[in-house]
Amino acid sequence: MTELDRRAFVLATAASTAAPTALGATECPTAGMNWITMSLEARNLAYNNVEHVGPANARKKTEDWAAASKTLRGQRPNHLDLAYGNGERNKWDLYPANDPKAPCFVHIHGGYWQRGSKEIFACLSEGPLARGWSAALCGYTLAPEATLTQITNELKSAFDWLNAKAGEHGIQGPIIVTGWSAGGHLTSFMLDHPKVAAGLSISGVFDLGALRDSPHVNDKVKLTEDEIEKLSPMRRPIVNKPLGIAYGTAELPAMIASSRDYHAYRSQGHVPGDLIPIASANHFTILDELRQPNSTLTRAVIAMAQYQTA
C-alpha cells in the first residue's frame, strides 16, 4: 500500500467505520465515530476508558491484578528485573517454561503510556504459562519523563536484548508479543522486530491523531505532529506477520472502532490475523481472558504461534 493509499484509508475510516463484521460479533455503533469532527469534549470522553467503567471499578481491577501478580512473581523469582537499558524501568521479568523451545508470551503493559508497570500485569501470563509456554514482561519509561518516540526506542532496545539474552535464561522459542491499550499500540509497532514472530493487540488505539487533543492522555504524553504521523500504526506500512486484533464488545464505541478500523486497514494488505470480539467485556475485564488457559484470548495467543509455524 502506497503512502497516498494509507492517507486515504485513514481519512476514510475516520469518517466512517468500515471494518468487516467478525463471526458472532455485535455490530459496532458507528454514529459519531469521526473523531476529526468531534468537539474536544466529545473526543476526550470517547477514549477515556477509566471514566467509562468508573474510576472505582478501574482501581479495583488494577488492585486485583497487582495482588495476583505479586503472588506469581513470588512463585517465580529467578529471572526478575533483568536490565536491558539504563532507565529505572528498563527491565525484563522472564518466566521460562520447562521446555526452552516452547513459545514465549511477551506482554507490553498499558496505561496510556503514563501509568502501569510490568509488576502489575504479570498475572496476565497465567493462561499461557498453564499451557506450557514461557512468558516475559518488560517495563519502559513513562510519560511525561519519556516521549512516545523515546518509549518506542526503549522497546526496540528491549527486544534487541531479548533476542541476544533470552536463551541464557531458558527461553529459545518463538516470541509472540501481546499488549493491551497503550500496549496494544506498542505491540503493533513492535511487530516488525526480527525477534517477533506474531502478535495480539488488545483494545489499542491505532491512529494517535484521535488522542492529540484529549487532556487525559496528551497533558502528559504531549504527542507531536511528527509522532502522530510516524508512530500511528494506521499511518505506517503494513507488516506482513500475523497480528490478532481483539476488543471487548462493551468497550467505548470509539475504542471498538479503532480495532475494527485497524483490522480493515491490515486486510487491505492481505496479511494474516483475526478480528476477535470478546462478548460483554469492557476495556478492563477483557484482560481476565489471558489469565485462563482455555479462554478465547489465550487460544488466540496459541493460534499466533501456530500461524507462524504453518
Protein backbone atom coordinates (compact mmCIF):
# COMPACT_ATOMS: atom_id res chain seq x y z
CA MET A 1 0.00 0.00 0.00
CA THR A 2 1.46 3.36 -1.01
CA GLU A 3 1.73 6.41 1.26
CA LEU A 4 -1.14 8.02 -0.63
CA ASP A 5 -3.25 4.90 -0.15
CA ARG A 6 -2.51 4.88 3.60
CA ARG A 7 -3.52 8.52 3.99
CA ALA A 8 -6.74 7.93 2.07
CA PHE A 9 -7.59 4.91 4.19
CA VAL A 10 -7.01 6.79 7.45
CA LEU A 11 -9.31 9.59 6.34
CA ALA A 12 -11.96 7.18 5.09
CA THR A 13 -12.07 5.15 8.29
CA ALA A 14 -12.03 8.25 10.47
CA ALA A 15 -15.13 9.45 8.63
CA SER A 16 -16.99 6.13 8.70
CA THR A 17 -16.30 2.84 10.44
CA ALA A 18 -15.88 0.31 7.66
CA ALA A 19 -14.41 -2.78 9.26
CA PRO A 20 -15.82 -6.20 8.33
CA THR A 21 -18.13 -8.00 10.70
CA ALA A 22 -16.48 -10.90 12.53
CA LEU A 23 -18.38 -14.12 13.13
CA GLY A 24 -20.51 -13.71 16.22
CA ALA A 25 -19.60 -10.05 16.72
CA THR A 26 -22.07 -7.41 17.76
CA GLU A 27 -22.24 -4.64 15.19
CA CYS A 28 -20.11 -1.67 16.21
CA PRO A 29 -22.03 1.58 16.68
CA THR A 30 -20.71 3.99 14.07
CA ALA A 31 -22.53 7.22 14.88
CA GLY A 32 -20.10 9.91 15.97
CA MET A 33 -17.01 7.90 15.13
CA ASN A 34 -15.49 10.68 13.02
CA TRP A 35 -13.02 11.95 15.60
CA ILE A 36 -11.84 14.63 13.15
CA THR A 37 -15.17 16.45 13.50
CA MET A 38 -15.86 15.70 17.19
CA SER A 39 -15.81 18.51 19.73
CA LEU A 40 -12.80 18.44 22.05
CA GLU A 41 -15.02 17.38 24.95
CA ALA A 42 -16.59 14.56 22.95
CA ARG A 43 -13.21 13.38 21.71
CA ASN A 44 -11.79 13.33 25.22
CA LEU A 45 -14.68 11.24 26.54
CA ALA A 46 -14.63 8.94 23.50
CA TYR A 47 -11.28 7.46 24.57
CA ASN A 48 -11.48 7.82 28.36
CA ASN A 49 -11.70 4.20 29.42
CA VAL A 50 -11.43 4.87 33.16
CA GLU A 51 -14.42 7.20 33.12
CA HIS A 52 -16.37 4.72 31.02
CA VAL A 53 -16.07 1.84 33.51
CA GLY A 54 -15.91 4.14 36.56
CA PRO A 55 -12.73 5.11 38.45
CA ALA A 56 -13.59 2.86 41.41
CA ASN A 57 -14.05 -0.18 39.14
CA ALA A 58 -10.84 0.54 37.26
CA ARG A 59 -8.93 0.94 40.53
CA LYS A 60 -10.36 -2.30 41.97
CA LYS A 61 -9.46 -4.26 38.85
CA THR A 62 -5.92 -2.85 38.88
CA GLU A 63 -5.51 -3.71 42.56
CA ASP A 64 -6.68 -7.28 41.88
CA TRP A 65 -4.13 -7.64 39.07
CA ALA A 66 -1.36 -6.25 41.26
CA ALA A 67 -2.14 -8.70 44.08
CA ALA A 68 -2.23 -11.71 41.75
CA SER A 69 0.95 -10.55 40.04
CA LYS A 70 2.77 -10.21 43.36
CA THR A 71 1.91 -13.83 44.08
CA LEU A 72 3.11 -15.02 40.67
CA ARG A 73 6.38 -13.09 40.91
CA GLY A 74 6.95 -14.58 44.35
CA GLN A 75 6.47 -18.07 42.97
CA ARG A 76 8.85 -17.48 40.04
CA PRO A 77 11.61 -15.18 41.37
CA ASN A 78 14.66 -16.41 39.49
CA HIS A 79 14.66 -14.18 36.39
CA LEU A 80 13.20 -10.86 37.51
CA ASP A 81 14.31 -7.25 36.92
CA LEU A 82 16.88 -8.05 34.24
CA ALA A 83 18.18 -4.73 32.92
CA TYR A 84 18.11 -4.07 29.18
CA GLY A 85 18.96 -0.36 29.48
CA ASN A 86 19.96 2.36 31.91
CA GLY A 87 16.49 3.58 32.88
CA GLU A 88 14.91 2.60 36.18
CA ARG A 89 12.08 0.84 34.32
CA ASN A 90 14.27 -0.67 31.58
CA LYS A 91 13.95 -4.21 32.89
CA TRP A 92 12.53 -7.59 31.93
CA ASP A 93 10.79 -10.20 34.05
CA LEU A 94 11.22 -13.65 32.47
CA TYR A 95 9.30 -16.81 33.31
CA PRO A 96 10.92 -19.68 31.37
CA ALA A 97 8.98 -22.87 30.69
CA ASN A 98 10.32 -26.35 31.36
CA ASP A 99 10.89 -26.66 27.61
CA PRO A 100 13.35 -23.97 26.44
CA LYS A 101 11.94 -24.20 22.90
CA ALA A 102 8.35 -23.54 23.98
CA PRO A 103 6.82 -20.35 22.53
CA CYS A 104 7.15 -17.24 24.67
CA PHE A 105 4.22 -14.96 25.56
CA VAL A 106 5.52 -11.40 25.79
CA HIS A 107 3.23 -8.72 27.20
CA ILE A 108 3.58 -4.93 26.92
CA HIS A 109 1.52 -3.22 29.60
CA GLY A 110 -0.95 -0.42 29.04
CA GLY A 111 -1.84 2.79 30.86
CA TYR A 112 -1.89 5.36 28.03
CA TRP A 113 1.95 5.41 28.11
CA GLN A 114 1.85 7.21 31.50
CA ARG A 115 0.75 4.55 34.01
CA GLY A 116 1.20 0.86 34.74
CA SER A 117 4.16 -1.47 35.19
CA LYS A 118 5.28 -4.98 34.46
CA GLU A 119 4.83 -5.73 38.17
CA ILE A 120 1.08 -5.02 37.99
CA PHE A 121 0.41 -7.12 34.90
CA ALA A 122 2.50 -10.26 35.49
CA CYS A 123 -0.68 -12.24 36.26
CA LEU A 124 -1.75 -11.91 32.62
CA SER A 125 0.80 -14.59 31.79
CA GLU A 126 -1.09 -17.18 33.87
CA GLY A 127 -3.03 -18.56 30.89
CA PRO A 128 -0.05 -19.09 28.58
CA LEU A 129 2.11 -20.40 31.46
CA ALA A 130 -0.56 -23.01 32.16
CA ARG A 131 -0.30 -24.07 28.52
CA GLY A 132 3.43 -24.80 28.91
CA TRP A 133 4.68 -21.54 27.40
CA SER A 134 7.38 -19.23 28.66
CA ALA A 135 6.41 -15.64 29.45
CA ALA A 136 8.15 -12.27 29.60
CA LEU A 137 7.07 -8.76 30.58
CA CYS A 138 9.10 -5.61 30.04
CA GLY A 139 8.99 -2.18 31.61
CA TYR A 140 9.55 1.15 29.92
CA THR A 141 9.93 4.76 30.99
CA LEU A 142 6.57 6.52 31.27
CA ALA A 143 5.39 9.92 30.08
CA PRO A 144 6.00 12.73 30.80
CA GLU A 145 9.53 11.61 31.65
CA ALA A 146 9.75 10.00 28.21
CA THR A 147 8.16 10.96 24.89
CA LEU A 148 6.40 8.31 22.85
CA THR A 149 9.37 8.34 20.49
CA GLN A 150 11.65 7.53 23.42
CA ILE A 151 9.29 4.80 24.62
CA THR A 152 9.28 3.08 21.22
CA ASN A 153 13.07 3.33 21.06
CA GLU A 154 13.33 1.76 24.51
CA LEU A 155 11.16 -1.14 23.39
CA LYS A 156 13.33 -1.70 20.34
CA SER A 157 16.29 -1.96 22.71
CA ALA A 158 14.29 -4.26 24.98
CA PHE A 159 13.57 -6.68 22.15
CA ASP A 160 17.18 -6.49 20.96
CA TRP A 161 18.19 -7.56 24.47
CA LEU A 162 15.61 -10.36 24.43
CA ASN A 163 16.97 -11.57 21.12
CA ALA A 164 20.51 -11.68 22.49
CA LYS A 165 19.94 -12.83 26.07
CA ALA A 166 16.70 -14.80 26.39
CA GLY A 167 18.44 -18.07 25.58
CA GLU A 168 20.70 -17.64 28.61
CA HIS A 169 17.55 -17.68 30.75
CA GLY A 170 15.96 -20.75 29.16
CA ILE A 171 13.81 -19.06 26.50
CA GLN A 172 14.60 -20.15 22.95
CA GLY A 173 11.16 -20.46 21.35
CA PRO A 174 9.29 -18.06 19.04
CA ILE A 175 8.22 -14.74 20.52
CA ILE A 176 4.51 -13.86 20.40
CA VAL A 177 4.11 -10.26 21.53
CA THR A 178 0.86 -9.07 23.09
CA GLY A 179 -0.22 -5.78 24.60
CA TRP A 180 -3.27 -4.03 26.00
CA SER A 181 -4.48 -0.45 25.48
CA ALA A 182 -1.29 1.62 25.01
CA GLY A 183 0.47 -1.73 24.93
CA GLY A 184 -1.81 -2.77 22.08
CA HIS A 185 -0.48 0.18 20.10
CA LEU A 186 3.10 -0.71 21.06
CA THR A 187 2.53 -4.35 20.10
CA SER A 188 1.62 -3.29 16.58
CA PHE A 189 4.64 -1.01 16.46
CA MET A 190 6.98 -3.83 17.55
CA LEU A 191 5.60 -6.41 15.12
CA ASP A 192 8.34 -5.70 12.60
CA HIS A 193 11.15 -6.51 15.07
CA PRO A 194 13.05 -9.55 13.74
CA LYS A 195 12.68 -11.35 17.09
CA VAL A 196 8.86 -11.17 16.93
CA ALA A 197 7.03 -14.00 15.15
CA ALA A 198 3.45 -12.76 15.61
CA GLY A 199 1.31 -10.60 17.86
CA LEU A 200 -2.01 -9.88 19.53
CA SER A 201 -3.11 -6.27 20.05
CA ILE A 202 -5.84 -5.90 22.68
CA SER A 203 -8.02 -2.78 22.85
CA GLY A 204 -5.47 -0.45 21.29
CA VAL A 205 -5.61 2.99 19.70
CA PHE A 206 -4.04 2.83 16.25
CA ASP A 207 -4.41 6.38 14.96
CA LEU A 208 -2.81 8.68 17.51
CA GLY A 209 -4.41 11.75 15.97
CA ALA A 210 -7.55 10.87 17.88
CA LEU A 211 -5.70 11.46 21.18
CA ARG A 212 -3.87 14.67 20.34
CA ASP A 213 -6.50 16.92 21.94
CA SER A 214 -7.50 14.57 24.78
CA PRO A 215 -6.25 16.10 28.05
CA HIS A 216 -6.38 12.81 29.98
CA VAL A 217 -3.77 11.47 27.56
CA ASN A 218 -1.89 14.32 25.99
CA ASP A 219 -1.32 16.54 29.04
CA LYS A 220 1.48 14.08 29.85
CA VAL A 221 2.24 12.27 26.58
CA LYS A 222 2.47 15.53 24.58
CA LEU A 223 2.22 13.94 21.14
CA THR A 224 3.79 15.92 18.33
CA GLU A 225 2.51 16.04 14.76
CA ASP A 226 5.60 14.13 13.69
CA GLU A 227 4.91 11.38 16.24
CA ILE A 228 1.28 11.12 15.19
CA GLU A 229 2.39 10.60 11.60
CA LYS A 230 5.30 8.24 12.25
CA LEU A 231 4.06 6.23 15.23
CA SER A 232 0.41 5.64 14.30
CA PRO A 233 0.01 2.05 13.05
CA MET A 234 -2.79 3.24 10.74
CA ARG A 235 -0.28 5.52 9.02
CA ARG A 236 2.62 3.05 8.84
CA PRO A 237 3.37 0.34 6.27
CA ILE A 238 1.58 -2.94 6.92
CA VAL A 239 3.82 -5.59 8.49
CA ASN A 240 3.41 -9.00 6.89
CA LYS A 241 3.26 -11.03 10.09
CA PRO A 242 0.24 -12.50 11.89
CA LEU A 243 -1.48 -9.98 14.19
CA GLY A 244 -4.71 -10.71 16.01
CA ILE A 245 -6.73 -7.64 16.99
CA ALA A 246 -9.08 -8.00 19.96
CA TYR A 247 -11.62 -5.76 21.65
CA GLY A 248 -14.47 -6.05 24.15
CA THR A 249 -17.98 -5.55 22.84
CA ALA A 250 -18.79 -3.47 25.97
CA GLU A 251 -15.95 -1.01 25.34
CA LEU A 252 -16.40 2.58 24.24
CA PRO A 253 -17.65 2.76 20.63
CA ALA A 254 -14.56 4.74 19.58
CA MET A 255 -12.28 2.05 21.04
CA ILE A 256 -14.22 -0.68 19.23
CA ALA A 257 -13.96 1.29 16.01
CA SER A 258 -10.21 1.70 16.49
CA SER A 259 -9.65 -2.07 16.49
CA ARG A 260 -12.08 -2.71 13.65
CA ASP A 261 -10.60 0.05 11.50
CA TYR A 262 -7.08 -1.24 12.03
CA HIS A 263 -8.11 -4.79 11.14
CA ALA A 264 -9.73 -3.45 7.97
CA TYR A 265 -6.56 -1.49 7.17
CA ARG A 266 -4.36 -4.56 7.56
CA SER A 267 -6.83 -6.58 5.49
CA GLN A 268 -6.04 -4.27 2.56
CA GLY A 269 -2.59 -5.88 2.55
CA HIS A 270 -3.99 -9.45 2.75
CA VAL A 271 -1.89 -10.20 5.84
CA PRO A 272 -2.87 -12.84 8.42
CA GLY A 273 -4.64 -12.05 11.67
CA ASP A 274 -8.16 -12.37 13.07
CA LEU A 275 -10.53 -9.75 14.43
CA ILE A 276 -11.50 -11.05 17.88
CA PRO A 277 -14.53 -9.52 19.66
CA ILE A 278 -14.85 -10.62 23.28
CA ALA A 279 -18.53 -10.65 24.20
CA SER A 280 -19.62 -8.36 27.06
CA ALA A 281 -16.04 -7.44 28.02
CA ASN A 282 -15.12 -3.84 28.76
CA HIS A 283 -11.70 -2.24 28.49
CA PHE A 284 -10.61 -3.76 31.81
CA THR A 285 -12.45 -7.08 32.12
CA ILE A 286 -11.15 -8.21 28.72
CA LEU A 287 -7.78 -8.92 30.35
CA ASP A 288 -9.28 -11.59 32.60
CA GLU A 289 -9.24 -13.75 29.47
CA LEU A 290 -5.45 -14.02 29.50
CA ARG A 291 -5.48 -15.47 32.99
CA GLN A 292 -7.45 -18.52 31.84
CA PRO A 293 -5.71 -21.31 29.88
CA ASN A 294 -8.69 -22.08 27.61
CA SER A 295 -10.21 -18.63 27.11
CA THR A 296 -10.78 -17.04 23.73
CA LEU A 297 -7.78 -14.72 24.06
CA THR A 298 -5.40 -17.37 25.37
CA ARG A 299 -6.44 -19.63 22.49
CA ALA A 300 -5.81 -16.68 20.15
CA VAL A 301 -2.28 -16.36 21.53
CA ILE A 302 -1.69 -20.08 20.97
CA ALA A 303 -3.04 -19.69 17.43
CA MET A 304 -0.48 -16.95 16.73
CA ALA A 305 2.31 -19.49 17.27
CA GLN A 306 0.55 -21.96 15.01
CA TYR A 307 0.24 -19.26 12.31
CA GLN A 308 3.98 -18.73 12.23
CA THR A 309 4.81 -22.46 12.11
CA ALA A 310 2.25 -23.25 9.39
